[in-house]
Protein backbone atom coordinates (compact mmCIF):
# COMPACT_ATOMS: atom_id res chain seq x y z
CA UNK A 1 -0.14 0.03 -0.14
CA UNK A 2 1.45 3.35 -1.14
CA UNK A 3 1.38 6.62 0.92
CA UNK A 4 -1.19 8.01 -1.51
CA UNK A 5 -3.39 5.08 -1.07
CA UNK A 6 -3.23 5.32 2.84
CA UNK A 7 -3.87 8.96 3.07
CA UNK A 8 -6.85 8.68 0.90
CA UNK A 9 -8.19 5.39 2.78
CA UNK A 10 -7.81 7.19 6.03
CA UNK A 11 -9.51 10.19 4.76
CA UNK A 12 -12.57 8.73 3.38
CA UNK A 13 -12.61 6.22 6.55
CA UNK A 14 -12.89 9.46 8.73
CA UNK A 15 -15.98 10.84 6.61
CA UNK A 16 -14.22 13.15 4.39
CA UNK A 17 -14.26 13.13 0.55
CA UNK A 18 -11.08 13.54 -1.27
CA UNK A 19 -10.84 15.20 -4.80
CA UNK A 20 -8.74 12.89 -7.17
CA UNK A 21 -7.02 14.16 -10.32
CA UNK A 22 -6.77 11.45 -13.15
CA UNK A 23 -5.56 11.50 -16.56
CA UNK A 24 -4.59 9.70 -19.46
CA UNK A 25 -2.41 11.58 -22.03
CA UNK A 26 -3.87 14.81 -22.58
CA UNK A 27 -7.21 13.98 -21.19
CA UNK A 28 -7.59 15.31 -17.48
CA UNK A 29 -10.51 14.83 -15.12
CA UNK A 30 -11.36 15.05 -11.41
CA UNK A 31 -13.52 12.78 -9.57
CA UNK A 32 -14.60 12.67 -5.92
CA UNK A 33 -13.58 9.62 -3.57
CA UNK A 34 -16.42 9.41 -1.22
CA UNK A 35 -15.95 6.30 0.80
CA UNK A 36 -14.66 2.60 0.90
CA UNK A 37 -16.56 -0.53 0.30
CA UNK A 38 -14.34 -3.37 1.46
CA UNK A 39 -11.25 -2.92 -0.47
CA UNK A 40 -12.67 -0.66 -3.12
CA UNK A 41 -12.95 2.98 -3.50
CA UNK A 42 -16.49 4.59 -4.02
CA UNK A 43 -16.02 7.43 -6.43
CA UNK A 44 -18.42 10.12 -7.74
CA UNK A 45 -18.07 10.62 -11.32
CA UNK A 46 -19.25 14.04 -12.10
CA UNK A 47 -19.55 13.96 -15.88
CA UNK A 48 -22.05 11.25 -15.70
CA UNK A 49 -23.43 11.99 -12.17
CA UNK A 50 -22.81 8.41 -11.06
CA UNK A 51 -21.32 6.77 -8.22
CA UNK A 52 -19.00 3.77 -9.04
CA UNK A 53 -16.86 1.32 -7.20
CA UNK A 54 -13.25 1.10 -8.19
CA UNK A 55 -11.14 -1.96 -6.88
CA UNK A 56 -8.19 -0.57 -4.81
CA UNK A 57 -5.83 -2.92 -6.93
CA UNK A 58 -7.09 -0.86 -10.13
CA UNK A 59 -6.25 2.36 -8.48
CA UNK A 60 -2.94 1.32 -7.17
CA UNK A 61 -1.91 -0.14 -10.57
CA UNK A 62 -3.18 2.84 -12.64
CA UNK A 63 -6.21 0.80 -14.24
CA UNK A 64 -9.17 3.22 -13.39
CA UNK A 65 -11.95 2.99 -15.91
CA UNK A 66 -15.29 5.21 -15.80
CA UNK A 67 -17.24 2.63 -17.96
CA UNK A 68 -15.35 3.24 -21.23
CA UNK A 69 -12.13 1.60 -22.77
CA UNK A 70 -9.91 4.63 -21.37
CA UNK A 71 -7.81 3.86 -18.60
CA UNK A 72 -7.04 6.65 -16.25
CA UNK A 73 -3.95 7.27 -14.14
CA UNK A 74 -4.30 8.98 -10.60
CA UNK A 75 -1.92 11.84 -10.72
CA UNK A 76 -3.00 13.88 -7.58
CA UNK A 77 -5.20 14.32 -4.80
CA UNK A 78 -6.34 16.74 -2.18
CA UNK A 79 -6.25 15.29 1.20
CA UNK A 80 -8.28 17.22 3.74
CA UNK A 81 -6.66 18.01 7.05
């Protein structure tokens, strides 16, 4: 488990949401990590207005998908204090 993963997990387990910056090449996007469900991240995806669950393994290994073929790589987050 990387430092980023631990910080996001700790924040959402304490009830805070975490903005997550993801990208694939020139495509950039911001989603909101709102909670945990087992070992998966619960994410609000604002462009579709949907909540989805992303396996933590996919997050750690840069394999995030929001229902399409595009795979996004997380590259930044805002951890609340």
